[in-house]
Amino acid sequence: MHRTNIYLDEMQAARLDRIANQQGTSRSEVIRALIDRTFAGDDIDVEADLAAIAQSHGALTDAEETARDDGDRSAHLARMWSLDASR
């Protein structure tokens, strides 16, 4: 393993810390997982992402809006991170 120093702004550091706390791991482990996902190709096809967004526009025009608070979002993100970690 090689040591690398990077500079993060306050928001980046806070987000990494929040995710690390939710996962019970370190900030470094979260960064390594994000890098691994990117190198695996999971996050680098911007054109495909934009095409999917364009195709889905208006798909839920009849959907009922539901209000969520930050707790709902945090719980959802924690579930997503745990699913991703199990890959």
PDB file of N, CA and C in Angstrom:
ATOM      1  N   MET A   1       0.858  -1.170   0.000  1.00  0.00           N
ATOM      2  CA  MET A   1       0.000   0.000   0.000  1.00  0.00           C
ATOM      3  C   MET A   1       0.899   1.226   0.000  1.00  0.00           C
ATOM      4  N   HIS A   2       0.503   2.236  -0.787  1.00  0.00           N
ATOM      5  CA  HIS A   2       1.255   3.485  -0.876  1.00  0.00           C
ATOM      6  C   HIS A   2       0.491   4.595  -0.188  1.00  0.00           C
ATOM      7  N   ARG A   3       1.223   5.440   0.515  1.00  0.00           N
ATOM      8  CA  ARG A   3       0.600   6.581   1.190  1.00  0.00           C
ATOM      9  C   ARG A   3       0.511   7.748   0.215  1.00  0.00           C
ATOM     10  N   THR A   4      -0.661   8.395   0.162  1.00  0.00           N
ATOM     11  CA  THR A   4      -0.891   9.549  -0.699  1.00  0.00           C
ATOM     12  C   THR A   4      -1.621  10.614   0.097  1.00  0.00           C
ATOM     13  N   ASN A   5      -1.173  11.832   0.006  1.00  0.00           N
ATOM     14  CA  ASN A   5      -1.843  12.951   0.666  1.00  0.00           C
ATOM     15  C   ASN A   5      -2.639  13.727  -0.361  1.00  0.00           C
ATOM     16  N   ILE A   6      -3.866  14.104  -0.013  1.00  0.00           N
ATOM     17  CA  ILE A   6      -4.704  14.923  -0.879  1.00  0.00           C
ATOM     18  C   ILE A   6      -5.322  16.034  -0.050  1.00  0.00           C
ATOM     19  N   TYR A   7      -5.719  17.093  -0.721  1.00  0.00           N
ATOM     20  CA  TYR A   7      -6.411  18.191  -0.066  1.00  0.00           C
ATOM     21  C   TYR A   7      -7.894  18.078  -0.375  1.00  0.00           C
ATOM     22  N   LEU A   8      -8.713  18.179   0.674  1.00  0.00           N
ATOM     23  CA  LEU A   8     -10.166  18.133   0.536  1.00  0.00           C
ATOM     24  C   LEU A   8     -10.744  19.429   1.069  1.00  0.00           C
ATOM     25  N   ASP A   9     -11.843  19.881   0.451  1.00  0.00           N
ATOM     26  CA  ASP A   9     -12.506  21.029   1.046  1.00  0.00           C
ATOM     27  C   ASP A   9     -13.345  20.527   2.231  1.00  0.00           C
ATOM     28  N   GLU A  10     -13.893  21.440   2.977  1.00  0.00           N
ATOM     29  CA  GLU A  10     -14.625  21.085   4.192  1.00  0.00           C
ATOM     30  C   GLU A  10     -15.807  20.156   3.909  1.00  0.00           C
ATOM     31  N   MET A  11     -16.542  20.439   2.825  1.00  0.00           N
ATOM     32  CA  MET A  11     -17.712  19.623   2.497  1.00  0.00           C
ATOM     33  C   MET A  11     -17.299  18.204   2.110  1.00  0.00           C
ATOM     34  N   GLN A  12     -16.246  18.066   1.335  1.00  0.00           N
ATOM     35  CA  GLN A  12     -15.771  16.737   0.944  1.00  0.00           C
ATOM     36  C   GLN A  12     -15.370  15.922   2.171  1.00  0.00           C
ATOM     37  N   ALA A  13     -14.615  16.546   3.060  1.00  0.00           N
ATOM     38  CA  ALA A  13     -14.170  15.854   4.264  1.00  0.00           C
ATOM     39  C   ALA A  13     -15.363  15.457   5.137  1.00  0.00           C
ATOM     40  N   ALA A  14     -16.328  16.352   5.279  1.00  0.00           N
ATOM     41  CA  ALA A  14     -17.505  16.053   6.094  1.00  0.00           C
ATOM     42  C   ALA A  14     -18.314  14.908   5.496  1.00  0.00           C
ATOM     43  N   ARG A  15     -18.470  14.903   4.184  1.00  0.00           N
ATOM     44  CA  ARG A  15     -19.223  13.827   3.530  1.00  0.00           C
ATOM     45  C   ARG A  15     -18.511  12.491   3.695  1.00  0.00           C
ATOM     46  N   LEU A  16     -17.196  12.494   3.483  1.00  0.00           N
ATOM     47  CA  LEU A  16     -16.436  11.257   3.663  1.00  0.00           C
ATOM     48  C   LEU A  16     -16.546  10.754   5.099  1.00  0.00           C
ATOM     49  N   ASP A  17     -16.439  11.658   6.054  1.00  0.00           N
ATOM     50  CA  ASP A  17     -16.546  11.268   7.460  1.00  0.00           C
ATOM     51  C   ASP A  17     -17.924  10.705   7.780  1.00  0.00           C
ATOM     52  N   ARG A  18     -18.965  11.311   7.240  1.00  0.00           N
ATOM     53  CA  ARG A  18     -20.322  10.838   7.486  1.00  0.00           C
ATOM     54  C   ARG A  18     -20.497   9.417   6.924  1.00  0.00           C
ATOM     55  N   ILE A  19     -20.027   9.196   5.701  1.00  0.00           N
ATOM     56  CA  ILE A  19     -20.136   7.862   5.094  1.00  0.00           C
ATOM     57  C   ILE A  19     -19.316   6.853   5.878  1.00  0.00           C
ATOM     58  N   ALA A  20     -18.113   7.238   6.257  1.00  0.00           N
ATOM     59  CA  ALA A  20     -17.247   6.340   7.026  1.00  0.00           C
ATOM     60  C   ALA A  20     -17.895   5.968   8.356  1.00  0.00           C
ATOM     61  N   ASN A  21     -18.490   6.941   9.022  1.00  0.00           N
ATOM     62  CA  ASN A  21     -19.171   6.663  10.291  1.00  0.00           C
ATOM     63  C   ASN A  21     -20.352   5.728  10.092  1.00  0.00           C
ATOM     64  N   GLN A  22     -21.111   5.938   9.021  1.00  0.00           N
ATOM     65  CA  GLN A  22     -22.259   5.072   8.746  1.00  0.00           C
ATOM     66  C   GLN A  22     -21.814   3.641   8.464  1.00  0.00           C
ATOM     67  N   GLN A  23     -20.666   3.499   7.818  1.00  0.00           N
ATOM     68  CA  GLN A  23     -20.171   2.170   7.468  1.00  0.00           C
ATOM     69  C   GLN A  23     -19.306   1.558   8.555  1.00  0.00           C
ATOM     70  N   GLY A  24     -18.945   2.358   9.542  1.00  0.00           N
ATOM     71  CA  GLY A  24     -18.077   1.855  10.602  1.00  0.00           C
ATOM     72  C   GLY A  24     -16.666   1.601  10.103  1.00  0.00           C
ATOM     73  N   THR A  25     -16.194   2.454   9.206  1.00  0.00           N
ATOM     74  CA  THR A  25     -14.870   2.281   8.619  1.00  0.00           C
ATOM     75  C   THR A  25     -14.141   3.620   8.610  1.00  0.00           C
ATOM     76  N   SER A  26     -13.006   3.670   7.968  1.00  0.00           N
ATOM     77  CA  SER A  26     -12.212   4.900   7.936  1.00  0.00           C
ATOM     78  C   SER A  26     -12.487   5.713   6.676  1.00  0.00           C
ATOM     79  N   ARG A  27     -12.115   6.972   6.740  1.00  0.00           N
ATOM     80  CA  ARG A  27     -12.205   7.843   5.577  1.00  0.00           C
ATOM     81  C   ARG A  27     -11.370   7.262   4.431  1.00  0.00           C
ATOM     82  N   SER A  28     -10.203   6.745   4.757  1.00  0.00           N
ATOM     83  CA  SER A  28      -9.329   6.163   3.739  1.00  0.00           C
ATOM     84  C   SER A  28      -9.976   4.986   3.030  1.00  0.00           C
ATOM     85  N   GLU A  29     -10.663   4.146   3.778  1.00  0.00           N
ATOM     86  CA  GLU A  29     -11.325   2.989   3.172  1.00  0.00           C
ATOM     87  C   GLU A  29     -12.434   3.433   2.220  1.00  0.00           C
ATOM     88  N   VAL A  30     -13.164   4.471   2.592  1.00  0.00           N
ATOM     89  CA  VAL A  30     -14.214   5.000   1.712  1.00  0.00           C
ATOM     90  C   VAL A  30     -13.582   5.518   0.424  1.00  0.00           C
ATOM     91  N   ILE A  31     -12.497   6.253   0.527  1.00  0.00           N
ATOM     92  CA  ILE A  31     -11.820   6.782  -0.658  1.00  0.00           C
ATOM     93  C   ILE A  31     -11.338   5.640  -1.545  1.00  0.00           C
ATOM     94  N   ARG A  32     -10.730   4.601  -0.946  1.00  0.00           N
ATOM     95  CA  ARG A  32     -10.262   3.461  -1.743  1.00  0.00           C
ATOM     96  C   ARG A  32     -11.423   2.779  -2.457  1.00  0.00           C
ATOM     97  N   ALA A  33     -12.563   2.630  -1.783  1.00  0.00           N
ATOM     98  CA  ALA A  33     -13.733   1.995  -2.403  1.00  0.00           C
ATOM     99  C   ALA A  33     -14.247   2.825  -3.573  1.00  0.00           C
ATOM    100  N   LEU A  34     -14.276   4.146  -3.414  1.00  0.00           N
ATOM    101  CA  LEU A  34     -14.726   5.018  -4.502  1.00  0.00           C
ATOM    102  C   LEU A  34     -13.767   4.941  -5.689  1.00  0.00           C
ATOM    103  N   ILE A  35     -12.479   4.893  -5.427  1.00  0.00           N
ATOM    104  CA  ILE A  35     -11.492   4.772  -6.503  1.00  0.00           C
ATOM    105  C   ILE A  35     -11.656   3.433  -7.212  1.00  0.00           C
ATOM    106  N   ASP A  36     -11.829   2.358  -6.450  1.00  0.00           N
ATOM    107  CA  ASP A  36     -12.028   1.032  -7.055  1.00  0.00           C
ATOM    108  C   ASP A  36     -13.253   1.011  -7.952  1.00  0.00           C
ATOM    109  N   ARG A  37     -14.354   1.611  -7.494  1.00  0.00           N
ATOM    110  CA  ARG A  37     -15.576   1.671  -8.318  1.00  0.00           C
ATOM    111  C   ARG A  37     -15.321   2.413  -9.614  1.00  0.00           C
ATOM    112  N   THR A  38     -14.603   3.517  -9.536  1.00  0.00           N
ATOM    113  CA  THR A  38     -14.317   4.307 -10.727  1.00  0.00           C
ATOM    114  C   THR A  38     -13.436   3.521 -11.691  1.00  0.00           C
ATOM    115  N   PHE A  39     -12.397   2.885 -11.194  1.00  0.00           N
ATOM    116  CA  PHE A  39     -11.502   2.114 -12.058  1.00  0.00           C
ATOM    117  C   PHE A  39     -12.191   0.883 -12.635  1.00  0.00           C
ATOM    118  N   ALA A  40     -13.202   0.380 -11.955  1.00  0.00           N
ATOM    119  CA  ALA A  40     -13.943  -0.777 -12.457  1.00  0.00           C
ATOM    120  C   ALA A  40     -14.905  -0.373 -13.572  1.00  0.00           C
ATOM    121  N   GLY A  41     -15.079   0.929 -13.775  1.00  0.00           N
ATOM    122  CA  GLY A  41     -15.941   1.408 -14.844  1.00  0.00           C
ATOM    123  C   GLY A  41     -17.360   1.672 -14.417  1.00  0.00           C
ATOM    124  N   ASP A  42     -17.663   1.561 -13.126  1.00  0.00           N
ATOM    125  CA  ASP A  42     -19.025   1.755 -12.654  1.00  0.00           C
ATOM    126  C   ASP A  42     -19.501   3.194 -12.787  1.00  0.00           C
ATOM    127  N   ASP A  43     -18.596   4.153 -12.781  1.00  0.00           N
ATOM    128  CA  ASP A  43     -18.996   5.554 -12.715  1.00  0.00           C
ATOM    129  C   ASP A  43     -18.457   6.423 -13.839  1.00  0.00           C
ATOM    130  N   ILE A  44     -17.894   5.844 -14.909  1.00  0.00           N
ATOM    131  CA  ILE A  44     -17.187   6.689 -15.858  1.00  0.00           C
ATOM    132  C   ILE A  44     -17.901   6.873 -17.196  1.00  0.00           C
ATOM    133  N   ASP A  45     -19.065   6.280 -17.394  1.00  0.00           N
ATOM    134  CA  ASP A  45     -19.758   6.410 -18.671  1.00  0.00           C
ATOM    135  C   ASP A  45     -20.761   7.561 -18.601  1.00  0.00           C
ATOM    136  N   VAL A  46     -20.247   8.768 -18.701  1.00  0.00           N
ATOM    137  CA  VAL A  46     -21.069   9.970 -18.572  1.00  0.00           C
ATOM    138  C   VAL A  46     -22.110  10.042 -19.683  1.00  0.00           C
ATOM    139  N   GLU A  47     -21.733   9.699 -20.894  1.00  0.00           N
ATOM    140  CA  GLU A  47     -22.667   9.762 -22.019  1.00  0.00           C
ATOM    141  C   GLU A  47     -23.865   8.839 -21.783  1.00  0.00           C
ATOM    142  N   ALA A  48     -23.623   7.632 -21.295  1.00  0.00           N
ATOM    143  CA  ALA A  48     -24.719   6.701 -21.017  1.00  0.00           C
ATOM    144  C   ALA A  48     -25.600   7.234 -19.895  1.00  0.00           C
ATOM    145  N   ASP A  49     -24.978   7.837 -18.891  1.00  0.00           N
ATOM    146  CA  ASP A  49     -25.753   8.415 -17.790  1.00  0.00           C
ATOM    147  C   ASP A  49     -26.657   9.537 -18.293  1.00  0.00           C
ATOM    148  N   LEU A  50     -26.106  10.420 -19.117  1.00  0.00           N
ATOM    149  CA  LEU A  50     -26.896  11.535 -19.645  1.00  0.00           C
ATOM    150  C   LEU A  50     -28.024  11.033 -20.548  1.00  0.00           C
ATOM    151  N   ALA A  51     -27.752   9.999 -21.336  1.00  0.00           N
ATOM    152  CA  ALA A  51     -28.791   9.434 -22.204  1.00  0.00           C
ATOM    153  C   ALA A  51     -29.910   8.833 -21.367  1.00  0.00           C
ATOM    154  N   ALA A  52     -29.567   8.135 -20.287  1.00  0.00           N
ATOM    155  CA  ALA A  52     -30.584   7.541 -19.417  1.00  0.00           C
ATOM    156  C   ALA A  52     -31.435   8.621 -18.761  1.00  0.00           C
ATOM    157  N   ILE A  53     -30.804   9.705 -18.345  1.00  0.00           N
ATOM    158  CA  ILE A  53     -31.546  10.817 -17.745  1.00  0.00           C
ATOM    159  C   ILE A  53     -32.507  11.420 -18.774  1.00  0.00           C
ATOM    160  N   ALA A  54     -32.018  11.631 -19.984  1.00  0.00           N
ATOM    161  CA  ALA A  54     -32.861  12.215 -21.037  1.00  0.00           C
ATOM    162  C   ALA A  54     -34.042  11.304 -21.359  1.00  0.00           C
ATOM    163  N   GLN A  55     -33.812   9.990 -21.423  1.00  0.00           N
ATOM    164  CA  GLN A  55     -34.880   9.040 -21.744  1.00  0.00           C
ATOM    165  C   GLN A  55     -35.912   8.949 -20.629  1.00  0.00           C
ATOM    166  N   SER A  56     -35.487   9.182 -19.402  1.00  0.00           N
ATOM    167  CA  SER A  56     -36.417   9.043 -18.281  1.00  0.00           C
ATOM    168  C   SER A  56     -37.206  10.322 -18.001  1.00  0.00           C
ATOM    169  N   HIS A  57     -36.858  11.411 -18.662  1.00  0.00           N
ATOM    170  CA  HIS A  57     -37.531  12.686 -18.413  1.00  0.00           C
ATOM    171  C   HIS A  57     -39.040  12.548 -18.639  1.00  0.00           C
ATOM    172  N   GLY A  58     -39.805  12.898 -17.627  1.00  0.00           N
ATOM    173  CA  GLY A  58     -41.257  12.857 -17.722  1.00  0.00           C
ATOM    174  C   GLY A  58     -41.866  11.498 -17.421  1.00  0.00           C
ATOM    175  N   ALA A  59     -41.053  10.528 -17.058  1.00  0.00           N
ATOM    176  CA  ALA A  59     -41.563   9.172 -16.829  1.00  0.00           C
ATOM    177  C   ALA A  59     -42.508   9.096 -15.632  1.00  0.00           C
ATOM    178  N   LEU A  60     -42.345   9.971 -14.682  1.00  0.00           N
ATOM    179  CA  LEU A  60     -43.171   9.918 -13.470  1.00  0.00           C
ATOM    180  C   LEU A  60     -44.075  11.140 -13.346  1.00  0.00           C
ATOM    181  N   THR A  61     -44.616  11.585 -14.444  1.00  0.00           N
ATOM    182  CA  THR A  61     -45.441  12.797 -14.394  1.00  0.00           C
ATOM    183  C   THR A  61     -46.680  12.622 -13.534  1.00  0.00           C
ATOM    184  N   ASP A  62     -47.186  11.388 -13.415  1.00  0.00           N
ATOM    185  CA  ASP A  62     -48.380  11.146 -12.610  1.00  0.00           C
ATOM    186  C   ASP A  62     -48.056  10.679 -11.194  1.00  0.00           C
ATOM    187  N   ALA A  63     -46.786  10.588 -10.864  1.00  0.00           N
ATOM    188  CA  ALA A  63     -46.391  10.087  -9.549  1.00  0.00           C
ATOM    189  C   ALA A  63     -46.713  11.110  -8.469  1.00  0.00           C
ATOM    190  N   GLU A  64     -47.091  10.611  -7.329  1.00  0.00           N
ATOM    191  CA  GLU A  64     -47.393  11.475  -6.197  1.00  0.00           C
ATOM    192  C   GLU A  64     -46.098  11.810  -5.465  1.00  0.00           C
ATOM    193  N   GLU A  65     -45.902  13.085  -5.148  1.00  0.00           N
ATOM    194  CA  GLU A  65     -44.703  13.496  -4.435  1.00  0.00           C
ATOM    195  C   GLU A  65     -44.809  13.070  -2.981  1.00  0.00           C
ATOM    196  N   THR A  66     -43.686  12.627  -2.442  1.00  0.00           N
ATOM    197  CA  THR A  66     -43.632  12.298  -1.025  1.00  0.00           C
ATOM    198  C   THR A  66     -42.533  13.119  -0.378  1.00  0.00           C
ATOM    199  N   ALA A  67     -42.805  13.617   0.786  1.00  0.00           N
ATOM    200  CA  ALA A  67     -41.817  14.418   1.508  1.00  0.00           C
ATOM    201  C   ALA A  67     -40.865  13.495   2.256  1.00  0.00           C
ATOM    202  N   ARG A  68     -39.592  13.863   2.246  1.00  0.00           N
ATOM    203  CA  ARG A  68     -38.586  13.112   2.989  1.00  0.00           C
ATOM    204  C   ARG A  68     -37.788  14.092   3.821  1.00  0.00           C
ATOM    205  N   ASP A  69     -37.334  13.642   4.960  1.00  0.00           N
ATOM    206  CA  ASP A  69     -36.441  14.479   5.737  1.00  0.00           C
ATOM    207  C   ASP A  69     -35.024  13.939   5.590  1.00  0.00           C
ATOM    208  N   ASP A  70     -34.055  14.632   6.162  1.00  0.00           N
ATOM    209  CA  ASP A  70     -32.657  14.220   6.026  1.00  0.00           C
ATOM    210  C   ASP A  70     -32.406  12.822   6.570  1.00  0.00           C
ATOM    211  N   GLY A  71     -33.177  12.415   7.576  1.00  0.00           N
ATOM    212  CA  GLY A  71     -33.013  11.075   8.127  1.00  0.00           C
ATOM    213  C   GLY A  71     -33.324  10.006   7.104  1.00  0.00           C
ATOM    214  N   ASP A  72     -34.360  10.230   6.289  1.00  0.00           N
ATOM    215  CA  ASP A  72     -34.705   9.283   5.227  1.00  0.00           C
ATOM    216  C   ASP A  72     -33.575   9.178   4.217  1.00  0.00           C
ATOM    217  N   ARG A  73     -33.025  10.316   3.833  1.00  0.00           N
ATOM    218  CA  ARG A  73     -31.949  10.327   2.841  1.00  0.00           C
ATOM    219  C   ARG A  73     -30.720   9.621   3.395  1.00  0.00           C
ATOM    220  N   SER A  74     -30.374   9.914   4.628  1.00  0.00           N
ATOM    221  CA  SER A  74     -29.212   9.278   5.243  1.00  0.00           C
ATOM    222  C   SER A  74     -29.382   7.771   5.332  1.00  0.00           C
ATOM    223  N   ALA A  75     -30.570   7.336   5.702  1.00  0.00           N
ATOM    224  CA  ALA A  75     -30.834   5.896   5.793  1.00  0.00           C
ATOM    225  C   ALA A  75     -30.742   5.256   4.410  1.00  0.00           C
ATOM    226  N   HIS A  76     -31.285   5.938   3.396  1.00  0.00           N
ATOM    227  CA  HIS A  76     -31.226   5.416   2.028  1.00  0.00           C
ATOM    228  C   HIS A  76     -29.772   5.305   1.565  1.00  0.00           C
ATOM    229  N   LEU A  77     -28.976   6.353   1.776  1.00  0.00           N
ATOM    230  CA  LEU A  77     -27.582   6.319   1.350  1.00  0.00           C
ATOM    231  C   LEU A  77     -26.796   5.241   2.079  1.00  0.00           C
ATOM    232  N   ALA A  78     -27.069   5.053   3.351  1.00  0.00           N
ATOM    233  CA  ALA A  78     -26.389   3.997   4.103  1.00  0.00           C
ATOM    234  C   ALA A  78     -26.704   2.625   3.520  1.00  0.00           C
ATOM    235  N   ARG A  79     -27.987   2.414   3.143  1.00  0.00           N
ATOM    236  CA  ARG A  79     -28.360   1.139   2.508  1.00  0.00           C
ATOM    237  C   ARG A  79     -27.647   0.964   1.177  1.00  0.00           C
ATOM    238  N   MET A  80     -27.567   2.032   0.388  1.00  0.00           N
ATOM    239  CA  MET A  80     -26.914   1.946  -0.915  1.00  0.00           C
ATOM    240  C   MET A  80     -25.425   1.632  -0.760  1.00  0.00           C
ATOM    241  N   TRP A  81     -24.784   2.270   0.218  1.00  0.00           N
ATOM    242  CA  TRP A  81     -23.359   2.009   0.444  1.00  0.00           C
ATOM    243  C   TRP A  81     -23.141   0.572   0.898  1.00  0.00           C
ATOM    244  N   SER A  82     -24.021   0.055   1.730  1.00  0.00           N
ATOM    245  CA  SER A  82     -23.843  -1.317   2.195  1.00  0.00           C
ATOM    246  C   SER A  82     -24.078  -2.303   1.059  1.00  0.00           C
ATOM    247  N   LEU A  83     -25.019  -2.013   0.151  1.00  0.00           N
ATOM    248  CA  LEU A  83     -25.239  -2.863  -1.008  1.00  0.00           C
ATOM    249  C   LEU A  83     -24.029  -2.832  -1.922  1.00  0.00           C
ATOM    250  N   ASP A  84     -23.469  -1.648  -2.136  1.00  0.00           N
ATOM    251  CA  ASP A  84     -22.327  -1.500  -3.016  1.00  0.00           C
ATOM    252  C   ASP A  84     -21.099  -2.223  -2.437  1.00  0.00           C
ATOM    253  N   ALA A  85     -20.942  -2.154  -1.133  1.00  0.00           N
ATOM    254  CA  ALA A  85     -19.797  -2.797  -0.492  1.00  0.00           C
ATOM    255  C   ALA A  85     -19.864  -4.313  -0.599  1.00  0.00           C
ATOM    256  N   SER A  86     -21.062  -4.858  -0.796  1.00  0.00           N
ATOM    257  CA  SER A  86     -21.220  -6.314  -0.861  1.00  0.00           C
ATOM    258  C   SER A  86     -20.932  -6.857  -2.257  1.00  0.00           C
ATOM    259  N   ARG A  87     -20.640  -5.992  -3.220  1.00  0.00           N
ATOM    260  CA  ARG A  87     -20.332  -6.455  -4.590  1.00  0.00           C
ATOM    261  C   ARG A  87     -19.059  -7.227  -4.636  1.00  0.00           C
TER     262      ARG A  87
END
